[in-house]
Amino acid sequence: EKGKRYSRDMVESLVLSALIVSYHETSRRAGREAGIKAAAITVWRQLKEAYQRYERREKKASSNSVGILFADSTGVKTGKTKRGSPLNLAIKVTGKEVRGKRAVLKKELVTLSVGKW
């Protein structure tokens, strides 16, 4: 219906139905099962808006990974010590790129030290 707003659950139901059957069939089912008038173009718009929200969430989630710092320390053999010395490593994620079909993180070495941090 023109100017009508649908609940989040109804929109989700319309979108999920439109992924399986046609927009026209989804429109007919909404009329039969929920008693609402949702034209096929309305179903299409709801699906488009849901996809755009999904894209924004994905973009935001992928941009959050930039700047993450990974740090670790492990023992390595050095000189004549029995247990070795700690090797400290910190790597910062600076970006992401796609090579072929694989996503690869761009990294930068922040610090590398033997002994204390």
PDB file of N, CA and C in Angstrom:
ATOM      1  N   GLU A   1       0.839  -1.175   0.000  1.00  0.00           N
ATOM      2  CA  GLU A   1       0.000   0.000   0.000  1.00  0.00           C
ATOM      3  C   GLU A   1       0.883   1.236   0.000  1.00  0.00           C
ATOM      4  N   LYS A   2       0.465   2.259  -0.707  1.00  0.00           N
ATOM      5  CA  LYS A   2       1.270   3.457  -0.847  1.00  0.00           C
ATOM      6  C   LYS A   2       1.453   4.147   0.508  1.00  0.00           C
ATOM      7  N   GLY A   3       2.730   4.475   0.826  1.00  0.00           N
ATOM      8  CA  GLY A   3       3.034   5.166   2.065  1.00  0.00           C
ATOM      9  C   GLY A   3       2.982   4.293   3.302  1.00  0.00           C
ATOM     10  N   LYS A   4       2.691   3.020   3.146  1.00  0.00           N
ATOM     11  CA  LYS A   4       2.570   2.094   4.277  1.00  0.00           C
ATOM     12  C   LYS A   4       3.950   1.654   4.741  1.00  0.00           C
ATOM     13  N   ARG A   5       4.139   1.601   6.038  1.00  0.00           N
ATOM     14  CA  ARG A   5       5.386   1.083   6.599  1.00  0.00           C
ATOM     15  C   ARG A   5       5.139  -0.320   7.134  1.00  0.00           C
ATOM     16  N   TYR A   6       6.116  -1.169   6.935  1.00  0.00           N
ATOM     17  CA  TYR A   6       5.984  -2.549   7.368  1.00  0.00           C
ATOM     18  C   TYR A   6       6.906  -2.801   8.549  1.00  0.00           C
ATOM     19  N   SER A   7       6.520  -3.736   9.408  1.00  0.00           N
ATOM     20  CA  SER A   7       7.362  -4.082  10.561  1.00  0.00           C
ATOM     21  C   SER A   7       8.638  -4.754  10.069  1.00  0.00           C
ATOM     22  N   ARG A   8       9.643  -4.751  10.915  1.00  0.00           N
ATOM     23  CA  ARG A   8      10.920  -5.381  10.572  1.00  0.00           C
ATOM     24  C   ARG A   8      10.726  -6.862  10.259  1.00  0.00           C
ATOM     25  N   ASP A   9       9.871  -7.525  11.040  1.00  0.00           N
ATOM     26  CA  ASP A   9       9.617  -8.949  10.799  1.00  0.00           C
ATOM     27  C   ASP A   9       8.937  -9.178   9.446  1.00  0.00           C
ATOM     28  N   MET A  10       8.001  -8.283   9.101  1.00  0.00           N
ATOM     29  CA  MET A  10       7.310  -8.419   7.818  1.00  0.00           C
ATOM     30  C   MET A  10       8.281  -8.199   6.666  1.00  0.00           C
ATOM     31  N   VAL A  11       9.137  -7.191   6.783  1.00  0.00           N
ATOM     32  CA  VAL A  11      10.127  -6.920   5.738  1.00  0.00           C
ATOM     33  C   VAL A  11      11.060  -8.113   5.590  1.00  0.00           C
ATOM     34  N   GLU A  12      11.508  -8.665   6.724  1.00  0.00           N
ATOM     35  CA  GLU A  12      12.398  -9.831   6.671  1.00  0.00           C
ATOM     36  C   GLU A  12      11.704 -11.000   5.988  1.00  0.00           C
ATOM     37  N   SER A  13      10.443 -11.212   6.303  1.00  0.00           N
ATOM     38  CA  SER A  13       9.679 -12.288   5.679  1.00  0.00           C
ATOM     39  C   SER A  13       9.548 -12.070   4.175  1.00  0.00           C
ATOM     40  N   LEU A  14       9.256 -10.824   3.765  1.00  0.00           N
ATOM     41  CA  LEU A  14       9.141 -10.514   2.332  1.00  0.00           C
ATOM     42  C   LEU A  14      10.467 -10.751   1.609  1.00  0.00           C
ATOM     43  N   VAL A  15      11.552 -10.288   2.220  1.00  0.00           N
ATOM     44  CA  VAL A  15      12.876 -10.432   1.596  1.00  0.00           C
ATOM     45  C   VAL A  15      13.245 -11.907   1.453  1.00  0.00           C
ATOM     46  N   LEU A  16      13.054 -12.675   2.515  1.00  0.00           N
ATOM     47  CA  LEU A  16      13.396 -14.099   2.452  1.00  0.00           C
ATOM     48  C   LEU A  16      12.543 -14.828   1.419  1.00  0.00           C
ATOM     49  N   SER A  17      11.277 -14.479   1.333  1.00  0.00           N
ATOM     50  CA  SER A  17      10.404 -15.095   0.340  1.00  0.00           C
ATOM     51  C   SER A  17      10.845 -14.725  -1.075  1.00  0.00           C
ATOM     52  N   ALA A  18      11.227 -13.456  -1.267  1.00  0.00           N
ATOM     53  CA  ALA A  18      11.638 -12.985  -2.603  1.00  0.00           C
ATOM     54  C   ALA A  18      12.931 -13.650  -3.065  1.00  0.00           C
ATOM     55  N   LEU A  19      13.713 -14.170  -2.137  1.00  0.00           N
ATOM     56  CA  LEU A  19      14.937 -14.876  -2.522  1.00  0.00           C
ATOM     57  C   LEU A  19      14.622 -16.258  -3.091  1.00  0.00           C
ATOM     58  N   ILE A  20      13.439 -16.761  -2.774  1.00  0.00           N
ATOM     59  CA  ILE A  20      13.062 -18.109  -3.193  1.00  0.00           C
ATOM     60  C   ILE A  20      12.114 -18.096  -4.386  1.00  0.00           C
ATOM     61  N   VAL A  21      11.110 -17.221  -4.327  1.00  0.00           N
ATOM     62  CA  VAL A  21      10.115 -17.148  -5.408  1.00  0.00           C
ATOM     63  C   VAL A  21      10.117 -15.745  -6.010  1.00  0.00           C
ATOM     64  N   SER A  22       9.338 -15.538  -7.037  1.00  0.00           N
ATOM     65  CA  SER A  22       9.298 -14.244  -7.728  1.00  0.00           C
ATOM     66  C   SER A  22       8.710 -13.161  -6.829  1.00  0.00           C
ATOM     67  N   TYR A  23       8.934 -11.910  -7.238  1.00  0.00           N
ATOM     68  CA  TYR A  23       8.380 -10.775  -6.496  1.00  0.00           C
ATOM     69  C   TYR A  23       6.852 -10.823  -6.515  1.00  0.00           C
ATOM     70  N   HIS A  24       6.282 -11.201  -7.668  1.00  0.00           N
ATOM     71  CA  HIS A  24       4.823 -11.274  -7.791  1.00  0.00           C
ATOM     72  C   HIS A  24       4.250 -12.352  -6.871  1.00  0.00           C
ATOM     73  N   GLU A  25       4.907 -13.501  -6.822  1.00  0.00           N
ATOM     74  CA  GLU A  25       4.434 -14.572  -5.946  1.00  0.00           C
ATOM     75  C   GLU A  25       4.579 -14.168  -4.483  1.00  0.00           C
ATOM     76  N   THR A  26       5.651 -13.489  -4.141  1.00  0.00           N
ATOM     77  CA  THR A  26       5.838 -12.999  -2.775  1.00  0.00           C
ATOM     78  C   THR A  26       4.721 -12.026  -2.413  1.00  0.00           C
ATOM     79  N   SER A  27       4.384 -11.161  -3.359  1.00  0.00           N
ATOM     80  CA  SER A  27       3.291 -10.199  -3.154  1.00  0.00           C
ATOM     81  C   SER A  27       1.970 -10.928  -2.901  1.00  0.00           C
ATOM     82  N   ARG A  28       1.685 -11.944  -3.698  1.00  0.00           N
ATOM     83  CA  ARG A  28       0.441 -12.718  -3.527  1.00  0.00           C
ATOM     84  C   ARG A  28       0.421 -13.432  -2.178  1.00  0.00           C
ATOM     85  N   ARG A  29       1.566 -14.017  -1.788  1.00  0.00           N
ATOM     86  CA  ARG A  29       1.642 -14.724  -0.500  1.00  0.00           C
ATOM     87  C   ARG A  29       1.420 -13.764   0.669  1.00  0.00           C
ATOM     88  N   ALA A  30       1.981 -12.564   0.570  1.00  0.00           N
ATOM     89  CA  ALA A  30       1.799 -11.572   1.636  1.00  0.00           C
ATOM     90  C   ALA A  30       0.316 -11.240   1.788  1.00  0.00           C
ATOM     91  N   GLY A  31      -0.382 -11.148   0.673  1.00  0.00           N
ATOM     92  CA  GLY A  31      -1.822 -10.879   0.711  1.00  0.00           C
ATOM     93  C   GLY A  31      -2.599 -12.021   1.328  1.00  0.00           C
ATOM     94  N   ARG A  32      -2.274 -13.239   0.916  1.00  0.00           N
ATOM     95  CA  ARG A  32      -2.981 -14.424   1.426  1.00  0.00           C
ATOM     96  C   ARG A  32      -2.669 -14.694   2.891  1.00  0.00           C
ATOM     97  N   GLU A  33      -1.387 -14.696   3.240  1.00  0.00           N
ATOM     98  CA  GLU A  33      -0.969 -15.141   4.569  1.00  0.00           C
ATOM     99  C   GLU A  33      -1.014 -14.060   5.638  1.00  0.00           C
ATOM    100  N   ALA A  34      -0.729 -12.802   5.259  1.00  0.00           N
ATOM    101  CA  ALA A  34      -0.684 -11.738   6.264  1.00  0.00           C
ATOM    102  C   ALA A  34      -1.772 -10.694   6.068  1.00  0.00           C
ATOM    103  N   GLY A  35      -2.495 -10.796   4.962  1.00  0.00           N
ATOM    104  CA  GLY A  35      -3.567  -9.856   4.710  1.00  0.00           C
ATOM    105  C   GLY A  35      -3.094  -8.446   4.384  1.00  0.00           C
ATOM    106  N   ILE A  36      -1.874  -8.326   3.860  1.00  0.00           N
ATOM    107  CA  ILE A  36      -1.379  -6.994   3.491  1.00  0.00           C
ATOM    108  C   ILE A  36      -1.241  -6.895   1.979  1.00  0.00           C
ATOM    109  N   LYS A  37      -1.352  -5.674   1.496  1.00  0.00           N
ATOM    110  CA  LYS A  37      -1.147  -5.429   0.075  1.00  0.00           C
ATOM    111  C   LYS A  37       0.273  -4.918  -0.100  1.00  0.00           C
ATOM    112  N   ALA A  38       1.111  -5.728  -0.700  1.00  0.00           N
ATOM    113  CA  ALA A  38       2.493  -5.343  -0.987  1.00  0.00           C
ATOM    114  C   ALA A  38       2.731  -5.641  -2.456  1.00  0.00           C
ATOM    115  N   ALA A  39       2.790  -4.598  -3.261  1.00  0.00           N
ATOM    116  CA  ALA A  39       3.001  -4.767  -4.696  1.00  0.00           C
ATOM    117  C   ALA A  39       4.379  -5.381  -4.951  1.00  0.00           C
ATOM    118  N   ALA A  40       4.533  -6.013  -6.092  1.00  0.00           N
ATOM    119  CA  ALA A  40       5.807  -6.645  -6.444  1.00  0.00           C
ATOM    120  C   ALA A  40       6.948  -5.635  -6.410  1.00  0.00           C
ATOM    121  N   ILE A  41       6.703  -4.397  -6.833  1.00  0.00           N
ATOM    122  CA  ILE A  41       7.750  -3.372  -6.820  1.00  0.00           C
ATOM    123  C   ILE A  41       8.141  -3.035  -5.380  1.00  0.00           C
ATOM    124  N   THR A  42       7.183  -3.090  -4.464  1.00  0.00           N
ATOM    125  CA  THR A  42       7.474  -2.857  -3.048  1.00  0.00           C
ATOM    126  C   THR A  42       8.386  -3.953  -2.510  1.00  0.00           C
ATOM    127  N   VAL A  43       8.111  -5.186  -2.892  1.00  0.00           N
ATOM    128  CA  VAL A  43       8.953  -6.313  -2.480  1.00  0.00           C
ATOM    129  C   VAL A  43      10.362  -6.109  -3.022  1.00  0.00           C
ATOM    130  N   TRP A  44      10.455  -5.713  -4.281  1.00  0.00           N
ATOM    131  CA  TRP A  44      11.765  -5.473  -4.897  1.00  0.00           C
ATOM    132  C   TRP A  44      12.514  -4.379  -4.147  1.00  0.00           C
ATOM    133  N   ARG A  45      11.829  -3.281  -3.811  1.00  0.00           N
ATOM    134  CA  ARG A  45      12.465  -2.176  -3.081  1.00  0.00           C
ATOM    135  C   ARG A  45      12.953  -2.620  -1.705  1.00  0.00           C
ATOM    136  N   GLN A  46      12.143  -3.420  -1.030  1.00  0.00           N
ATOM    137  CA  GLN A  46      12.533  -3.903   0.301  1.00  0.00           C
ATOM    138  C   GLN A  46      13.768  -4.791   0.207  1.00  0.00           C
ATOM    139  N   LEU A  47      13.822  -5.633  -0.818  1.00  0.00           N
ATOM    140  CA  LEU A  47      14.989  -6.488  -1.024  1.00  0.00           C
ATOM    141  C   LEU A  47      16.221  -5.641  -1.328  1.00  0.00           C
ATOM    142  N   LYS A  48      16.058  -4.621  -2.167  1.00  0.00           N
ATOM    143  CA  LYS A  48      17.165  -3.725  -2.514  1.00  0.00           C
ATOM    144  C   LYS A  48      17.679  -3.001  -1.270  1.00  0.00           C
ATOM    145  N   GLU A  49      16.762  -2.465  -0.452  1.00  0.00           N
ATOM    146  CA  GLU A  49      17.160  -1.760   0.771  1.00  0.00           C
ATOM    147  C   GLU A  49      17.850  -2.699   1.756  1.00  0.00           C
ATOM    148  N   ALA A  50      17.356  -3.925   1.873  1.00  0.00           N
ATOM    149  CA  ALA A  50      17.980  -4.897   2.779  1.00  0.00           C
ATOM    150  C   ALA A  50      19.400  -5.208   2.321  1.00  0.00           C
ATOM    151  N   TYR A  51      19.587  -5.342   1.008  1.00  0.00           N
ATOM    152  CA  TYR A  51      20.923  -5.612   0.474  1.00  0.00           C
ATOM    153  C   TYR A  51      21.859  -4.423   0.719  1.00  0.00           C
ATOM    154  N   GLN A  52      21.355  -3.213   0.552  1.00  0.00           N
ATOM    155  CA  GLN A  52      22.176  -2.026   0.795  1.00  0.00           C
ATOM    156  C   GLN A  52      22.588  -1.933   2.266  1.00  0.00           C
ATOM    157  N   ARG A  53      21.662  -2.280   3.185  1.00  0.00           N
ATOM    158  CA  ARG A  53      22.009  -2.298   4.614  1.00  0.00           C
ATOM    159  C   ARG A  53      23.094  -3.339   4.874  1.00  0.00           C
ATOM    160  N   TYR A  54      22.948  -4.500   4.235  1.00  0.00           N
ATOM    161  CA  TYR A  54      23.944  -5.569   4.377  1.00  0.00           C
ATOM    162  C   TYR A  54      25.309  -5.092   3.876  1.00  0.00           C
ATOM    163  N   GLU A  55      25.345  -4.437   2.707  1.00  0.00           N
ATOM    164  CA  GLU A  55      26.609  -3.937   2.152  1.00  0.00           C
ATOM    165  C   GLU A  55      27.269  -2.929   3.091  1.00  0.00           C
ATOM    166  N   ARG A  56      26.482  -2.015   3.667  1.00  0.00           N
ATOM    167  CA  ARG A  56      27.035  -1.022   4.597  1.00  0.00           C
ATOM    168  C   ARG A  56      27.623  -1.703   5.825  1.00  0.00           C
ATOM    169  N   ARG A  57      26.907  -2.707   6.345  1.00  0.00           N
ATOM    170  CA  ARG A  57      27.424  -3.444   7.517  1.00  0.00           C
ATOM    171  C   ARG A  57      28.727  -4.145   7.180  1.00  0.00           C
ATOM    172  N   GLU A  58      28.778  -4.790   6.021  1.00  0.00           N
ATOM    173  CA  GLU A  58      29.988  -5.495   5.603  1.00  0.00           C
ATOM    174  C   GLU A  58      31.155  -4.539   5.406  1.00  0.00           C
ATOM    175  N   LYS A  59      30.877  -3.396   4.790  1.00  0.00           N
ATOM    176  CA  LYS A  59      31.929  -2.403   4.557  1.00  0.00           C
ATOM    177  C   LYS A  59      32.458  -1.881   5.882  1.00  0.00           C
ATOM    178  N   LYS A  60      31.538  -1.612   6.812  1.00  0.00           N
ATOM    179  CA  LYS A  60      31.932  -1.122   8.132  1.00  0.00           C
ATOM    180  C   LYS A  60      32.740  -2.186   8.879  1.00  0.00           C
ATOM    181  N   ALA A  61      32.296  -3.439   8.796  1.00  0.00           N
ATOM    182  CA  ALA A  61      33.000  -4.522   9.476  1.00  0.00           C
ATOM    183  C   ALA A  61      34.394  -4.727   8.896  1.00  0.00           C
ATOM    184  N   SER A  62      34.519  -4.644   7.575  1.00  0.00           N
ATOM    185  CA  SER A  62      35.830  -4.861   6.957  1.00  0.00           C
ATOM    186  C   SER A  62      36.761  -3.679   7.223  1.00  0.00           C
ATOM    187  N   SER A  63      36.211  -2.478   7.343  1.00  0.00           N
ATOM    188  CA  SER A  63      37.067  -1.320   7.616  1.00  0.00           C
ATOM    189  C   SER A  63      37.537  -1.316   9.058  1.00  0.00           C
ATOM    190  N   ASN A  64      36.821  -1.995   9.950  1.00  0.00           N
ATOM    191  CA  ASN A  64      37.227  -2.059  11.354  1.00  0.00           C
ATOM    192  C   ASN A  64      38.486  -2.891  11.549  1.00  0.00           C
ATOM    193  N   SER A  65      38.805  -3.774  10.593  1.00  0.00           N
ATOM    194  CA  SER A  65      39.971  -4.638  10.760  1.00  0.00           C
ATOM    195  C   SER A  65      41.278  -3.882  10.542  1.00  0.00           C
ATOM    196  N   VAL A  66      41.226  -2.738   9.879  1.00  0.00           N
ATOM    197  CA  VAL A  66      42.423  -1.957   9.622  1.00  0.00           C
ATOM    198  C   VAL A  66      42.870  -1.306  10.922  1.00  0.00           C
ATOM    199  N   GLY A  67      44.153  -1.413  11.215  1.00  0.00           N
ATOM    200  CA  GLY A  67      44.688  -0.795  12.415  1.00  0.00           C
ATOM    201  C   GLY A  67      44.774  -1.737  13.604  1.00  0.00           C
ATOM    202  N   ILE A  68      44.333  -2.962  13.446  1.00  0.00           N
ATOM    203  CA  ILE A  68      44.419  -3.921  14.543  1.00  0.00           C
ATOM    204  C   ILE A  68      45.874  -4.328  14.723  1.00  0.00           C
ATOM    205  N   LEU A  69      46.283  -4.436  15.950  1.00  0.00           N
ATOM    206  CA  LEU A  69      47.669  -4.775  16.266  1.00  0.00           C
ATOM    207  C   LEU A  69      47.720  -6.179  16.852  1.00  0.00           C
ATOM    208  N   PHE A  70      48.579  -7.013  16.289  1.00  0.00           N
ATOM    209  CA  PHE A  70      48.800  -8.348  16.811  1.00  0.00           C
ATOM    210  C   PHE A  70      50.179  -8.365  17.453  1.00  0.00           C
ATOM    211  N   ALA A  71      50.271  -8.875  18.661  1.00  0.00           N
ATOM    212  CA  ALA A  71      51.563  -8.960  19.335  1.00  0.00           C
ATOM    213  C   ALA A  71      51.700 -10.342  19.941  1.00  0.00           C
ATOM    214  N   ASP A  72      52.901 -10.895  19.879  1.00  0.00           N
ATOM    215  CA  ASP A  72      53.149 -12.223  20.432  1.00  0.00           C
ATOM    216  C   ASP A  72      54.594 -12.309  20.863  1.00  0.00           C
ATOM    217  N   SER A  73      54.844 -13.231  21.745  1.00  0.00           N
ATOM    218  CA  SER A  73      56.193 -13.454  22.234  1.00  0.00           C
ATOM    219  C   SER A  73      56.405 -14.961  22.326  1.00  0.00           C
ATOM    220  N   THR A  74      57.566 -15.415  21.930  1.00  0.00           N
ATOM    221  CA  THR A  74      57.870 -16.838  21.997  1.00  0.00           C
ATOM    222  C   THR A  74      59.343 -17.020  22.313  1.00  0.00           C
ATOM    223  N   GLY A  75      59.717 -18.174  22.808  1.00  0.00           N
ATOM    224  CA  GLY A  75      61.122 -18.445  23.124  1.00  0.00           C
ATOM    225  C   GLY A  75      61.875 -18.933  21.903  1.00  0.00           C
ATOM    226  N   VAL A  76      63.078 -18.403  21.695  1.00  0.00           N
ATOM    227  CA  VAL A  76      63.931 -18.842  20.592  1.00  0.00           C
ATOM    228  C   VAL A  76      65.316 -19.149  21.137  1.00  0.00           C
ATOM    229  N   LYS A  77      65.979 -20.069  20.502  1.00  0.00           N
ATOM    230  CA  LYS A  77      67.333 -20.415  20.943  1.00  0.00           C
ATOM    231  C   LYS A  77      68.278 -19.261  20.637  1.00  0.00           C
ATOM    232  N   THR A  78      69.022 -18.872  21.640  1.00  0.00           N
ATOM    233  CA  THR A  78      70.018 -17.820  21.449  1.00  0.00           C
ATOM    234  C   THR A  78      71.250 -18.162  22.260  1.00  0.00           C
ATOM    235  N   GLY A  79      72.367 -18.104  21.651  1.00  0.00           N
ATOM    236  CA  GLY A  79      73.639 -18.336  22.355  1.00  0.00           C
ATOM    237  C   GLY A  79      73.654 -19.654  23.089  1.00  0.00           C
ATOM    238  N   LYS A  80      74.131 -19.609  24.342  1.00  0.00           N
ATOM    239  CA  LYS A  80      74.284 -20.831  25.136  1.00  0.00           C
ATOM    240  C   LYS A  80      73.181 -20.998  26.175  1.00  0.00           C
ATOM    241  N   THR A  81      72.144 -20.195  26.113  1.00  0.00           N
ATOM    242  CA  THR A  81      71.064 -20.293  27.105  1.00  0.00           C
ATOM    243  C   THR A  81      70.268 -21.569  26.906  1.00  0.00           C
ATOM    244  N   LYS A  82      69.819 -22.151  28.040  1.00  0.00           N
ATOM    245  CA  LYS A  82      69.052 -23.392  27.987  1.00  0.00           C
ATOM    246  C   LYS A  82      67.641 -23.178  27.452  1.00  0.00           C
ATOM    247  N   ARG A  83      66.973 -22.200  27.978  1.00  0.00           N
ATOM    248  CA  ARG A  83      65.575 -21.959  27.634  1.00  0.00           C
ATOM    249  C   ARG A  83      65.408 -20.990  26.467  1.00  0.00           C
ATOM    250  N   GLY A  84      66.471 -20.365  26.063  1.00  0.00           N
ATOM    251  CA  GLY A  84      66.370 -19.401  24.975  1.00  0.00           C
ATOM    252  C   GLY A  84      65.977 -18.029  25.488  1.00  0.00           C
ATOM    253  N   SER A  85      65.760 -17.128  24.580  1.00  0.00           N
ATOM    254  CA  SER A  85      65.361 -15.765  24.907  1.00  0.00           C
ATOM    255  C   SER A  85      64.019 -15.479  24.251  1.00  0.00           C
ATOM    256  N   PRO A  86      63.244 -14.582  24.864  1.00  0.00           N
ATOM    257  CA  PRO A  86      61.960 -14.265  24.244  1.00  0.00           C
ATOM    258  C   PRO A  86      62.145 -13.441  22.964  1.00  0.00           C
ATOM    259  N   LEU A  87      61.424 -13.821  21.942  1.00  0.00           N
ATOM    260  CA  LEU A  87      61.374 -13.062  20.692  1.00  0.00           C
ATOM    261  C   LEU A  87      60.009 -12.378  20.676  1.00  0.00           C
ATOM    262  N   ASN A  88      60.003 -11.061  20.608  1.00  0.00           N
ATOM    263  CA  ASN A  88      58.771 -10.283  20.659  1.00  0.00           C
ATOM    264  C   ASN A  88      58.487  -9.695  19.283  1.00  0.00           C
ATOM    265  N   LEU A  89      57.253  -9.846  18.867  1.00  0.00           N
ATOM    266  CA  LEU A  89      56.872  -9.433  17.524  1.00  0.00           C
ATOM    267  C   LEU A  89      55.522  -8.727  17.593  1.00  0.00           C
ATOM    268  N   ALA A  90      55.413  -7.584  16.945  1.00  0.00           N
ATOM    269  CA  ALA A  90      54.131  -6.872  16.849  1.00  0.00           C
ATOM    270  C   ALA A  90      53.896  -6.515  15.383  1.00  0.00           C
ATOM    271  N   ILE A  91      52.708  -6.872  14.896  1.00  0.00           N
ATOM    272  CA  ILE A  91      52.331  -6.636  13.503  1.00  0.00           C
ATOM    273  C   ILE A  91      51.027  -5.854  13.482  1.00  0.00           C
ATOM    274  N   LYS A  92      50.947  -4.839  12.635  1.00  0.00           N
ATOM    275  CA  LYS A  92      49.743  -4.027  12.495  1.00  0.00           C
ATOM    276  C   LYS A  92      49.097  -4.310  11.139  1.00  0.00           C
ATOM    277  N   VAL A  93      47.784  -4.521  11.147  1.00  0.00           N
ATOM    278  CA  VAL A  93      47.036  -4.697   9.906  1.00  0.00           C
ATOM    279  C   VAL A  93      46.749  -3.310   9.353  1.00  0.00           C
ATOM    280  N   THR A  94      47.190  -3.058   8.119  1.00  0.00           N
ATOM    281  CA  THR A  94      47.041  -1.724   7.536  1.00  0.00           C
ATOM    282  C   THR A  94      46.017  -1.665   6.411  1.00  0.00           C
ATOM    283  N   GLY A  95      45.544  -2.804   5.952  1.00  0.00           N
ATOM    284  CA  GLY A  95      44.562  -2.793   4.870  1.00  0.00           C
ATOM    285  C   GLY A  95      44.237  -4.190   4.405  1.00  0.00           C
ATOM    286  N   LYS A  96      43.482  -4.260   3.321  1.00  0.00           N
ATOM    287  CA  LYS A  96      43.070  -5.549   2.773  1.00  0.00           C
ATOM    288  C   LYS A  96      43.028  -5.415   1.261  1.00  0.00           C
ATOM    289  N   GLU A  97      43.438  -6.459   0.556  1.00  0.00           N
ATOM    290  CA  GLU A  97      43.342  -6.474  -0.904  1.00  0.00           C
ATOM    291  C   GLU A  97      42.912  -7.862  -1.338  1.00  0.00           C
ATOM    292  N   VAL A  98      42.439  -7.948  -2.560  1.00  0.00           N
ATOM    293  CA  VAL A  98      42.005  -9.237  -3.103  1.00  0.00           C
ATOM    294  C   VAL A  98      42.971  -9.635  -4.202  1.00  0.00           C
ATOM    295  N   ARG A  99      43.543 -10.815  -4.056  1.00  0.00           N
ATOM    296  CA  ARG A  99      44.437 -11.380  -5.078  1.00  0.00           C
ATOM    297  C   ARG A  99      43.757 -12.618  -5.631  1.00  0.00           C
ATOM    298  N   GLY A 100      43.388 -12.537  -6.885  1.00  0.00           N
ATOM    299  CA  GLY A 100      42.625 -13.638  -7.468  1.00  0.00           C
ATOM    300  C   GLY A 100      41.275 -13.697  -6.792  1.00  0.00           C
ATOM    301  N   LYS A 101      41.009 -14.787  -6.102  1.00  0.00           N
ATOM    302  CA  LYS A 101      39.747 -14.929  -5.378  1.00  0.00           C
ATOM    303  C   LYS A 101      39.955 -14.883  -3.869  1.00  0.00           C
ATOM    304  N   ARG A 102      41.179 -14.588  -3.434  1.00  0.00           N
ATOM    305  CA  ARG A 102      41.478 -14.613  -2.005  1.00  0.00           C
ATOM    306  C   ARG A 102      41.704 -13.213  -1.454  1.00  0.00           C
ATOM    307  N   ALA A 103      41.163 -12.966  -0.273  1.00  0.00           N
ATOM    308  CA  ALA A 103      41.411 -11.699   0.418  1.00  0.00           C
ATOM    309  C   ALA A 103      42.708 -11.846   1.208  1.00  0.00           C
ATOM    310  N   VAL A 104      43.578 -10.862   1.096  1.00  0.00           N
ATOM    311  CA  VAL A 104      44.870 -10.885   1.772  1.00  0.00           C
ATOM    312  C   VAL A 104      45.004  -9.607   2.598  1.00  0.00           C
ATOM    313  N   LEU A 105      45.413  -9.757   3.848  1.00  0.00           N
ATOM    314  CA  LEU A 105      45.630  -8.597   4.699  1.00  0.00           C
ATOM    315  C   LEU A 105      46.983  -7.976   4.405  1.00  0.00           C
ATOM    316  N   LYS A 106      47.020  -6.648   4.351  1.00  0.00           N
ATOM    317  CA  LYS A 106      48.295  -5.931   4.249  1.00  0.00           C
ATOM    318  C   LYS A 106      48.773  -5.711   5.680  1.00  0.00           C
ATOM    319  N   LYS A 107      50.036  -6.010   5.923  1.00  0.00           N
ATOM    320  CA  LYS A 107      50.570  -5.942   7.274  1.00  0.00           C
ATOM    321  C   LYS A 107      51.828  -5.098   7.312  1.00  0.00           C
ATOM    322  N   GLU A 108      52.123  -4.593   8.512  1.00  0.00           N
ATOM    323  CA  GLU A 108      53.313  -3.789   8.716  1.00  0.00           C
ATOM    324  C   GLU A 108      53.960  -4.244  10.016  1.00  0.00           C
ATOM    325  N   LEU A 109      55.261  -4.491   9.973  1.00  0.00           N
ATOM    326  CA  LEU A 109      55.980  -4.877  11.174  1.00  0.00           C
ATOM    327  C   LEU A 109      56.168  -3.637  12.049  1.00  0.00           C
ATOM    328  N   VAL A 110      55.651  -3.691  13.271  1.00  0.00           N
ATOM    329  CA  VAL A 110      55.746  -2.550  14.173  1.00  0.00           C
ATOM    330  C   VAL A 110      57.010  -2.657  15.024  1.00  0.00           C
ATOM    331  N   THR A 111      57.229  -3.841  15.587  1.00  0.00           N
ATOM    332  CA  THR A 111      58.428  -4.036  16.396  1.00  0.00           C
ATOM    333  C   THR A 111      58.872  -5.491  16.378  1.00  0.00           C
ATOM    334  N   LEU A 112      60.156  -5.679  16.491  1.00  0.00           N
ATOM    335  CA  LEU A 112      60.750  -7.012  16.586  1.00  0.00           C
ATOM    336  C   LEU A 112      61.915  -6.857  17.552  1.00  0.00           C
ATOM    337  N   SER A 113      61.870  -7.625  18.624  1.00  0.00           N
ATOM    338  CA  SER A 113      62.962  -7.511  19.595  1.00  0.00           C
ATOM    339  C   SER A 113      63.250  -8.859  20.227  1.00  0.00           C
ATOM    340  N   VAL A 114      64.455  -9.024  20.686  1.00  0.00           N
ATOM    341  CA  VAL A 114      64.866 -10.225  21.403  1.00  0.00           C
ATOM    342  C   VAL A 114      65.173  -9.792  22.828  1.00  0.00           C
ATOM    343  N   GLY A 115      64.596 -10.476  23.781  1.00  0.00           N
ATOM    344  CA  GLY A 115      64.761 -10.091  25.182  1.00  0.00           C
ATOM    345  C   GLY A 115      63.483  -9.437  25.677  1.00  0.00           C
ATOM    346  N   LYS A 116      63.633  -8.294  26.313  1.00  0.00           N
ATOM    347  CA  LYS A 116      62.466  -7.588  26.848  1.00  0.00           C
ATOM    348  C   LYS A 116      61.777  -6.787  25.767  1.00  0.00           C
ATOM    349  N   TRP A 117      60.469  -6.517  25.966  1.00  0.00           N
ATOM    350  CA  TRP A 117      59.688  -5.710  25.035  1.00  0.00           C
ATOM    351  C   TRP A 117      60.260  -4.355  24.931  1.00  0.00           C
TER     352      TRP A 117
END
